[in-house]
Each structure stands twice: as C-alpha cells, then as structure tokens.
C-alpha atoms as a PDB file:
ATOM      1  CA  MET A   1      -3.080 -51.748 -63.514  1.00  0.00           C
ATOM      2  CA  SER A   2      -4.295 -49.184 -65.736  1.00  0.00           C
ATOM      3  CA  ASP A   3      -3.756 -45.468 -65.442  1.00  0.00           C
ATOM      4  CA  THR A   4      -6.843 -44.776 -63.936  1.00  0.00           C
ATOM      5  CA  SER A   5      -6.406 -47.367 -61.046  1.00  0.00           C
ATOM      6  CA  ARG A   6      -2.895 -45.865 -60.602  1.00  0.00           C
ATOM      7  CA  LEU A   7      -4.070 -42.372 -60.133  1.00  0.00           C
ATOM      8  CA  LEU A   8      -6.570 -43.111 -57.876  1.00  0.00           C
ATOM      9  CA  VAL A   9      -4.347 -45.175 -55.542  1.00  0.00           C
ATOM     10  CA  GLU A  10      -1.729 -41.970 -55.294  1.00  0.00           C
ATOM     11  CA  TYR A  11      -4.872 -40.072 -54.493  1.00  0.00           C
ATOM     12  CA  GLU A  12      -5.750 -41.999 -51.692  1.00  0.00           C
ATOM     13  CA  LEU A  13      -2.596 -42.546 -50.455  1.00  0.00           C
ATOM     14  CA  GLN A  14      -1.660 -38.026 -50.384  1.00  0.00           C
ATOM     15  CA  THR A  15      -5.034 -37.599 -49.369  1.00  0.00           C
ATOM     16  CA  LEU A  16      -4.435 -40.136 -46.415  1.00  0.00           C
ATOM     17  CA  HIS A  17      -1.060 -38.384 -45.850  1.00  0.00           C
ATOM     18  CA  ALA A  18      -2.616 -34.833 -45.452  1.00  0.00           C
ATOM     19  CA  VAL A  19      -4.974 -35.895 -42.873  1.00  0.00           C
ATOM     20  CA  THR A  20      -2.282 -37.251 -41.146  1.00  0.00           C
ATOM     21  CA  SER A  21      -0.230 -34.799 -40.685  1.00  0.00           C
ATOM     22  CA  ALA A  22      -3.314 -31.889 -40.011  1.00  0.00           C
ATOM     23  CA  ARG A  23      -4.075 -34.931 -37.164  1.00  0.00           C
ATOM     24  CA  PHE A  24      -0.290 -34.592 -35.779  1.00  0.00           C
ATOM     25  CA  ARG A  25      -0.551 -30.670 -36.458  1.00  0.00           C
ATOM     26  CA  LEU A  26      -3.637 -30.749 -34.174  1.00  0.00           C
ATOM     27  CA  SER A  27      -2.775 -33.155 -31.592  1.00  0.00           C
ATOM     28  CA  GLY A  28       0.384 -30.865 -31.294  1.00  0.00           C
ATOM     29  CA  SER A  29      -1.411 -27.207 -30.993  1.00  0.00           C
ATOM     30  CA  LEU A  30      -3.525 -28.705 -28.253  1.00  0.00           C
ATOM     31  CA  ALA A  31      -0.071 -30.223 -26.038  1.00  0.00           C
ATOM     32  CA  ILE A  32       1.160 -26.494 -26.488  1.00  0.00           C
ATOM     33  CA  CYS A  33      -2.201 -25.629 -25.189  1.00  0.00           C
ATOM     34  CA  LEU A  34      -2.834 -28.310 -22.000  1.00  0.00           C
ATOM     35  CA  THR A  35       1.223 -27.051 -21.739  1.00  0.00           C
ATOM     36  CA  LEU A  36       0.332 -23.478 -20.960  1.00  0.00           C
ATOM     37  CA  PHE A  37      -3.063 -23.807 -19.043  1.00  0.00           C
ATOM     38  CA  THR A  38      -1.451 -26.763 -16.825  1.00  0.00           C
ATOM     39  CA  GLN A  39       1.913 -24.955 -15.665  1.00  0.00           C
ATOM     40  CA  PRO A  40       2.339 -24.465 -12.042  1.00  0.00           C
ATOM     41  CA  ALA A  41       0.213 -21.293 -10.811  1.00  0.00           C
ATOM     42  CA  PHE A  42       2.873 -19.245  -9.987  1.00  0.00           C
ATOM     43  CA  ALA A  43       3.353 -18.469 -13.975  1.00  0.00           C
ATOM     44  CA  GLN A  44      -0.259 -17.231 -14.033  1.00  0.00           C
ATOM     45  CA  ILE A  45      -0.165 -14.958 -10.920  1.00  0.00           C
ATOM     46  CA  LYS A  46      -0.259 -11.348 -12.548  1.00  0.00           C
ATOM     47  CA  ASN A  47      -2.817  -9.327 -12.136  1.00  0.00           C
ATOM     48  CA  ARG A  48      -5.167 -10.501  -9.337  1.00  0.00           C
ATOM     49  CA  PHE A  49      -6.056  -8.679  -6.191  1.00  0.00           C
ATOM     50  CA  ALA A  50      -5.211  -9.807  -2.670  1.00  0.00           C
ATOM     51  CA  LEU A  51      -6.877  -8.315   0.656  1.00  0.00           C
ATOM     52  CA  GLY A  52      -5.363  -9.353   4.066  1.00  0.00           C
ATOM     53  CA  GLY A  53      -3.949  -7.727   7.480  1.00  0.00           C
ATOM     54  CA  GLU A  54      -0.590  -6.158   8.639  1.00  0.00           C
ATOM     55  CA  TYR A  55       0.482  -4.979  11.853  1.00  0.00           C
ATOM     56  CA  LYS A  56       2.300  -1.550  11.581  1.00  0.00           C
ATOM     57  CA  ILE A  57       5.288   0.340  14.291  1.00  0.00           C
ATOM     58  CA  ARG A  58       4.771   3.830  13.945  1.00  0.00           C
ATOM     59  CA  ALA A  59       7.719   5.706  15.931  1.00  0.00           C
ATOM     60  CA  THR A  60       8.110   9.712  16.109  1.00  0.00           C
ATOM     61  CA  ASP A  61      10.607  11.927  17.433  1.00  0.00           C
ATOM     62  CA  ARG A  62       9.871  14.828  19.969  1.00  0.00           C
ATOM     63  CA  ALA A  63      10.934  18.729  19.579  1.00  0.00           C
ATOM     64  CA  SER A  64      10.535  21.379  22.376  1.00  0.00           C
ATOM     65  CA  GLN A  65       8.901  24.131  20.619  1.00  0.00           C
ATOM     66  CA  GLU A  66       6.310  21.451  18.718  1.00  0.00           C
ATOM     67  CA  ASP A  67       3.187  19.649  19.917  1.00  0.00           C
ATOM     68  CA  TYR A  68       4.346  15.890  20.130  1.00  0.00           C
ATOM     69  CA  ALA A  69       2.795  12.737  18.432  1.00  0.00           C
ATOM     70  CA  HIS A  70       3.027   9.285  20.093  1.00  0.00           C
ATOM     71  CA  ALA A  71       4.214   6.330  18.464  1.00  0.00           C
ATOM     72  CA  LYS A  72       1.940   3.751  17.917  1.00  0.00           C
ATOM     73  CA  LEU A  73       1.583  -0.067  16.956  1.00  0.00           C
ATOM     74  CA  GLY A  74      -1.474  -1.997  16.041  1.00  0.00           C
ATOM     75  CA  PRO A  75      -3.586  -3.740  13.038  1.00  0.00           C
ATOM     76  CA  GLY A  76      -4.492  -2.717   9.519  1.00  0.00           C
ATOM     77  CA  PRO A  77      -5.891  -3.617   6.461  1.00  0.00           C
ATOM     78  CA  LEU A  78      -3.943  -4.531   3.352  1.00  0.00           C
ATOM     79  CA  TRP A  79      -3.995  -5.234  -0.160  1.00  0.00           C
ATOM     80  CA  ARG A  80      -2.325  -5.900  -3.707  1.00  0.00           C
ATOM     81  CA  PHE A  81      -3.211  -4.841  -6.535  1.00  0.00           C
ATOM     82  CA  GLY A  82      -1.377  -7.466  -9.091  1.00  0.00           C
ATOM     83  CA  HIS A  83       2.549  -7.662  -9.013  1.00  0.00           C
ATOM     84  CA  GLY A  84       3.979  -4.536 -11.152  1.00  0.00           C
ATOM     85  CA  HIS A  85       6.805  -5.148 -13.703  1.00  0.00           C
ATOM     86  CA  GLU A  86      10.199  -4.899 -12.928  1.00  0.00           C
ATOM     87  CA  GLY A  87      11.374  -1.170 -13.765  1.00  0.00           C
ATOM     88  CA  TRP A  88      10.908   2.225 -13.130  1.00  0.00           C
ATOM     89  CA  GLY A  89       6.907   3.387 -12.489  1.00  0.00           C
ATOM     90  CA  PHE A  90       4.223   5.463 -10.847  1.00  0.00           C
ATOM     91  CA  HIS A  91       3.027   4.738  -7.415  1.00  0.00           C
ATOM     92  CA  TRP A  92       0.302   6.294  -5.074  1.00  0.00           C
ATOM     93  CA  GLY A  93      -0.489   5.606  -1.580  1.00  0.00           C
ATOM     94  CA  LEU A  94      -3.115   6.686   1.230  1.00  0.00           C
ATOM     95  CA  ASN A  95      -1.306   5.599   4.108  1.00  0.00           C
ATOM     96  CA  TRP A  96      -3.960   7.333   6.845  1.00  0.00           C
ATOM     97  CA  TYR A  97      -3.553   7.405  10.108  1.00  0.00           C
ATOM     98  CA  ALA A  98      -4.137   8.771  13.138  1.00  0.00           C
ATOM     99  CA  VAL A  99      -1.913   9.895  16.458  1.00  0.00           C
ATOM    100  CA  GLN A 100      -2.912  11.404  19.808  1.00  0.00           C
ATOM    101  CA  ILE A 101      -1.054  14.600  20.492  1.00  0.00           C
ATOM    102  CA  ASP A 102      -0.117  16.307  23.779  1.00  0.00           C
ATOM    103  CA  ARG A 103       0.613  19.718  24.278  1.00  0.00           C
ATOM    104  CA  PRO A 104       1.592  22.315  27.182  1.00  0.00           C
ATOM    105  CA  ILE A 105      -1.187  23.687  28.900  1.00  0.00           C
ATOM    106  CA  GLY A 106      -0.930  26.007  31.676  1.00  0.00           C
ATOM    107  CA  GLY A 107       3.312  24.732  31.171  1.00  0.00           C
ATOM    108  CA  GLN A 108       2.180  21.154  32.076  1.00  0.00           C
ATOM    109  CA  ALA A 109       2.433  18.292  29.269  1.00  0.00           C
ATOM    110  CA  THR A 110      -1.667  16.988  28.269  1.00  0.00           C
ATOM    111  CA  GLU A 111      -2.775  14.692  26.012  1.00  0.00           C
ATOM    112  CA  LEU A 112      -4.445  17.268  23.661  1.00  0.00           C
ATOM    113  CA  GLY A 113      -6.668  14.820  21.154  1.00  0.00           C
ATOM    114  CA  GLU A 114      -6.394  12.822  18.415  1.00  0.00           C
ATOM    115  CA  LEU A 115      -5.220  14.335  15.206  1.00  0.00           C
ATOM    116  CA  LYS A 116      -5.777  12.220  12.018  1.00  0.00           C
ATOM    117  CA  ILE A 117      -4.149  12.627   9.132  1.00  0.00           C
ATOM    118  CA  ARG A 118      -5.251  11.737   5.757  1.00  0.00           C
ATOM    119  CA  PRO A 119      -2.666  11.486   2.696  1.00  0.00           C
ATOM    120  CA  PHE A 120      -3.825  11.403  -1.116  1.00  0.00           C
ATOM    121  CA  MET A 121       0.256  10.799  -2.465  1.00  0.00           C
ATOM    122  CA  ALA A 122       1.606   9.711  -5.843  1.00  0.00           C
ATOM    123  CA  GLY A 123       5.215   9.605  -6.819  1.00  0.00           C
ATOM    124  CA  TYR A 124       7.871   7.112  -8.836  1.00  0.00           C
ATOM    125  CA  GLY A 125      10.183   4.562  -7.952  1.00  0.00           C
ATOM    126  CA  TYR A 126      11.739   1.426  -9.156  1.00  0.00           C
ATOM    127  CA  THR A 127      10.786  -2.386  -8.546  1.00  0.00           C
ATOM    128  CA  TYR A 128      13.645  -4.855  -9.091  1.00  0.00           C
ATOM    129  CA  ASN A 129      12.637  -8.588  -9.467  1.00  0.00           C
ATOM    130  CA  VAL A 130      14.627 -10.854  -7.315  1.00  0.00           C
ATOM    131  CA  THR A 131      13.329 -13.984  -8.276  1.00  0.00           C
ATOM    132  CA  ARG A 132      10.218 -14.841  -9.940  1.00  0.00           C
ATOM    133  CA  ARG A 133       8.886 -15.223  -6.428  1.00  0.00           C
ATOM    134  CA  LEU A 134      10.446 -12.202  -4.788  1.00  0.00           C
ATOM    135  CA  ASN A 135      10.487  -8.263  -5.629  1.00  0.00           C
ATOM    136  CA  VAL A 136      11.759  -4.895  -3.806  1.00  0.00           C
ATOM    137  CA  THR A 137      10.406  -1.535  -4.380  1.00  0.00           C
ATOM    138  CA  ALA A 138      12.262   1.562  -3.736  1.00  0.00           C
ATOM    139  CA  ASP A 139       9.939   4.828  -4.270  1.00  0.00           C
ATOM    140  CA  ALA A 140       8.994   8.399  -2.953  1.00  0.00           C
ATOM    141  CA  LEU A 141       5.848   9.636  -2.570  1.00  0.00           C
ATOM    142  CA  ALA A 142       4.551  12.873  -2.023  1.00  0.00           C
ATOM    143  CA  GLY A 143       0.968  14.756  -2.099  1.00  0.00           C
ATOM    144  CA  TYR A 144      -1.110  16.809   0.224  1.00  0.00           C
ATOM    145  CA  ALA A 145      -3.074  15.316   3.604  1.00  0.00           C
ATOM    146  CA  LEU A 146      -6.359  16.385   5.222  1.00  0.00           C
ATOM    147  CA  GLY A 147      -6.077  17.196   8.906  1.00  0.00           C
ATOM    148  CA  SER A 148      -8.521  17.352  11.474  1.00  0.00           C
ATOM    149  CA  ILE A 149      -8.937  16.764  15.296  1.00  0.00           C
ATOM    150  CA  GLY A 150     -10.930  15.932  17.981  1.00  0.00           C
ATOM    151  CA  LEU A 151     -10.097  17.385  21.695  1.00  0.00           C
ATOM    152  CA  SER A 152      -9.847  14.974  24.468  1.00  0.00           C
ATOM    153  CA  SER A 153     -11.696  15.697  27.767  1.00  0.00           C
ATOM    154  CA  THR A 154      -8.761  15.858  29.647  1.00  0.00           C
ATOM    155  CA  ALA A 155      -7.198  19.138  27.207  1.00  0.00           C
ATOM    156  CA  ILE A 156     -10.922  20.764  27.985  1.00  0.00           C
ATOM    157  CA  GLU A 157     -10.910  19.789  31.652  1.00  0.00           C
ATOM    158  CA  ALA A 158      -6.940  20.987  31.781  1.00  0.00           C
ATOM    159  CA  TYR A 159      -7.992  24.690  29.863  1.00  0.00           C
ATOM    160  CA  ARG A 160     -11.116  25.024  31.774  1.00  0.00           C
ATOM    161  CA  ILE A 161      -8.967  24.722  34.927  1.00  0.00           C
ATOM    162  CA  ARG A 162      -5.307  26.007  34.365  1.00  0.00           C
ATOM    163  CA  GLN A 163      -6.597  28.799  32.080  1.00  0.00           C
ATOM    164  CA  GLY A 164      -9.974  29.575  32.672  1.00  0.00           C
ATOM    165  CA  ALA A 165     -11.268  29.402  29.560  1.00  0.00           C
ATOM    166  CA  GLN A 166     -14.871  28.130  29.612  1.00  0.00           C
ATOM    167  CA  ALA A 167     -15.436  27.230  25.555  1.00  0.00           C
ATOM    168  CA  VAL A 168     -12.968  25.351  23.851  1.00  0.00           C
ATOM    169  CA  SER A 169     -12.288  24.626  20.619  1.00  0.00           C
ATOM    170  CA  ALA A 170      -9.468  22.795  17.845  1.00  0.00           C
ATOM    171  CA  LYS A 171      -8.576  22.637  14.466  1.00  0.00           C
ATOM    172  CA  SER A 172      -6.134  21.150  12.100  1.00  0.00           C
ATOM    173  CA  THR A 173      -4.750  22.566   8.831  1.00  0.00           C
ATOM    174  CA  ASN A 174      -3.812  20.911   5.557  1.00  0.00           C
ATOM    175  CA  THR A 175      -0.371  20.386   5.023  1.00  0.00           C
ATOM    176  CA  ILE A 176       2.060  18.726   2.346  1.00  0.00           C
ATOM    177  CA  VAL A 177       3.090  15.462   3.188  1.00  0.00           C
ATOM    178  CA  LEU A 178       6.381  13.520   1.877  1.00  0.00           C
ATOM    179  CA  LYS A 179       7.161   9.276   2.226  1.00  0.00           C
ATOM    180  CA  PRO A 180      10.180   7.619   0.921  1.00  0.00           C
ATOM    181  CA  GLU A 181       9.457   3.781   1.476  1.00  0.00           C
ATOM    182  CA  ILE A 182      11.264   1.102   0.628  1.00  0.00           C
ATOM    183  CA  GLY A 183       9.364  -2.775   0.653  1.00  0.00           C
ATOM    184  CA  THR A 184       9.588  -6.456  -0.546  1.00  0.00           C
ATOM    185  CA  TRP A 185       6.551  -8.860  -1.666  1.00  0.00           C
ATOM    186  CA  TYR A 186       7.605 -12.615  -1.384  1.00  0.00           C
ATOM    187  CA  ASP A 187       5.037 -15.012  -2.907  1.00  0.00           C
ATOM    188  CA  LEU A 188       4.650 -18.347  -0.844  1.00  0.00           C
ATOM    189  CA  ASN A 189       2.412 -19.669  -3.556  1.00  0.00           C
ATOM    190  CA  ASN A 190      -0.188 -18.770  -6.408  1.00  0.00           C
ATOM    191  CA  LYS A 191      -2.641 -17.515  -3.472  1.00  0.00           C
ATOM    192  CA  ILE A 192      -0.739 -15.934  -0.535  1.00  0.00           C
ATOM    193  CA  GLY A 193       2.157 -13.302  -0.305  1.00  0.00           C
ATOM    194  CA  LEU A 194       3.953 -11.471   2.440  1.00  0.00           C
ATOM    195  CA  ASN A 195       4.938  -8.146   2.517  1.00  0.00           C
ATOM    196  CA  LEU A 196       7.312  -6.030   4.491  1.00  0.00           C
ATOM    197  CA  ASN A 197       7.662  -2.033   4.242  1.00  0.00           C
ATOM    198  CA  PHE A 198       9.991   0.666   5.637  1.00  0.00           C
ATOM    199  CA  GLY A 199       9.033   4.248   5.473  1.00  0.00           C
ATOM    200  CA  TYR A 200       9.144   7.930   6.923  1.00  0.00           C
ATOM    201  CA  ILE A 201       6.117   9.875   6.391  1.00  0.00           C
ATOM    202  CA  MET A 202       6.983  13.435   7.090  1.00  0.00           C
ATOM    203  CA  ALA A 203       3.865  15.717   7.970  1.00  0.00           C
ATOM    204  CA  ARG A 204       3.968  18.805   9.936  1.00  0.00           C
ATOM    205  CA  PRO A 205       0.421  20.554   9.905  1.00  0.00           C
ATOM    206  CA  ASP A 206      -0.132  23.283  12.661  1.00  0.00           C
ATOM    207  CA  ILE A 207      -2.651  23.086  15.588  1.00  0.00           C
ATOM    208  CA  ILE A 208      -4.475  25.778  16.498  1.00  0.00           C
ATOM    209  CA  VAL A 209      -7.000  25.733  19.832  1.00  0.00           C
ATOM    210  CA  SER A 210      -8.784  28.754  20.639  1.00  0.00           C
ATOM    211  CA  SER A 211     -11.306  29.288  23.700  1.00  0.00           C
ATOM    212  CA  THR A 212     -12.315  32.157  25.718  1.00  0.00           C
ATOM    213  CA  ALA A 213      -8.863  32.906  27.137  1.00  0.00           C
ATOM    214  CA  GLY A 214      -7.108  33.212  23.367  1.00  0.00           C
ATOM    215  CA  THR A 215      -6.084  31.599  20.498  1.00  0.00           C
ATOM    216  CA  GLU A 216      -2.957  29.668  20.438  1.00  0.00           C
ATOM    217  CA  ARG A 217      -1.196  27.635  17.244  1.00  0.00           C
ATOM    218  CA  ARG A 218       1.326  25.175  17.407  1.00  0.00           C
ATOM    219  CA  LYS A 219       2.932  23.236  14.973  1.00  0.00           C
ATOM    220  CA  VAL A 220       2.623  19.469  15.701  1.00  0.00           C
ATOM    221  CA  ARG A 221       5.103  16.781  14.477  1.00  0.00           C
ATOM    222  CA  ALA A 222       3.012  14.340  12.952  1.00  0.00           C
ATOM    223  CA  ASP A 223       6.090  12.525  11.185  1.00  0.00           C
ATOM    224  CA  GLN A 224       5.921   8.633  11.644  1.00  0.00           C
ATOM    225  CA  PHE A 225       8.240   6.030  10.774  1.00  0.00           C
ATOM    226  CA  ILE A 226       6.349   2.936   9.905  1.00  0.00           C
ATOM    227  CA  ILE A 227       7.440  -0.609   9.779  1.00  0.00           C
ATOM    228  CA  LYS A 228       5.002  -2.867   7.994  1.00  0.00           C
ATOM    229  CA  ALA A 229       4.379  -6.619   7.911  1.00  0.00           C
ATOM    230  CA  GLY A 230       1.385  -8.450   6.575  1.00  0.00           C
ATOM    231  CA  ILE A 231       0.140 -11.104   4.549  1.00  0.00           C
ATOM    232  CA  VAL A 232      -2.483 -11.142   1.653  1.00  0.00           C
ATOM    233  CA  TYR A 233      -4.650 -14.123   0.140  1.00  0.00           C
ATOM    234  CA  SER A 234      -5.415 -13.775  -3.258  1.00  0.00           C
ATOM    235  CA  ILE A 235      -9.533 -13.311  -4.026  1.00  0.00           C
ATOM    236  CA  PHE A 236      -9.050 -12.705  -8.032  1.00  0.00           C
END
C-alpha cells in the first residue's frame, strides 16, 4: 500500500471515530434531557398557582367592659402561590373577616350588627421542609385593619324603645392587628395540596354609636382564634 493510500485510510478511520463519538455525546445529552423532563411530576411543582377552598372555625372570648364578637364557622376561598423555600423569609396576609357584635342596650345584651375587619399584614417567619411533600411554616404578621359596621334592625329598634333614640348610626375605628400563626402544607401529588393552619388574630377597634340620645363609644374584642383546613388544586 502506498503512503498516499495509507494516509487516506487513517483519515477515514479518524473521521469515523469522530462522528461516532459525536453521536454518542449527542445521544447521552438527549438521554439526560429526557430524564430531566420525565422525572416524576413532584420534582417540577415549584412556582405554581393553586386555588381551592377551606373551612374555618373562629372562636373568641368575652370581656365585661368590651363589646363581644361571636364565634363563627364556615367555608372560604384558599389559594397558594408556589411552594416557598426552606429558611427565613417574609410573609404577607389579608385575612379579612366579619363578626357579629353584641352590646348592652338599655341594660340588655343585644345584637348590635356585623363588624367587618379588613387587615393588610406583613411579617417574617421560618419554613421547614420536613419531607419533599410536607413543609411547616411559623410566622408572625402585623399590620393595619380597616373597620366598618352595619347596625342591625334589632339594635335600631332597641335604641328607639329602650333609650328613646329616633335616629341611630354607628361607625368603627381602624386598628392595629397582630397575628402569630403556624401552618402546614402536604402535597398529595403534583396537582393537589392539603393545608392546615392555626392562628390568633388580635384586633380591637372602637365602635361608636351616635343617636339623639347621645354618643356611646366602646372597644370591641374582635380577637379570633382561627383553625383552617383546606385543599387546593394547581391551575398553573
């Protein structure tokens, strides 16, 4: 074999080896990509939005010199943004709610009306990932709440009969709110998540009732011990 033929054979062998190596590298890269994108969905559940519902139980206590807010239970909306990260971080919350208020009118406890508390809160807390599916968060939120109240027909009638008032109106002051809480999320799968939350919100606005018989101002204990259990379904 001549030197020229030998060189051609060596060149073809080197070319074949290079092409084969490139094919192996490309196949390996494709395999890695396929592995990443076909992992169980649980590895891809970050940064999603989930929407669902929850059931709340709210309890309060009575103070003799303050208006009284009734305990209440019932359903409500629940949402979830992403999954968060383990460690310290900022948290926020709205936690708007309404409660029925009692007040002594003419020496007799009477349903005054519905008080609405609309807090805007932010705070700081810690999230601990117990497992890949389960995390627990403890935080403390604080903020400012807007208050409003609508008088019940029972209260208006009570002021008219017991105090001789012909015109009655009421308003609520705004107030500082504080809420320590602890909550947990458990992911059943990549779409469904369960939530359990325990918290205590402190809100104590004043309610001012004005009538032709005078003006009466009392603080209302609108504190609420809240237990929430809910479920969400991932939309995105």
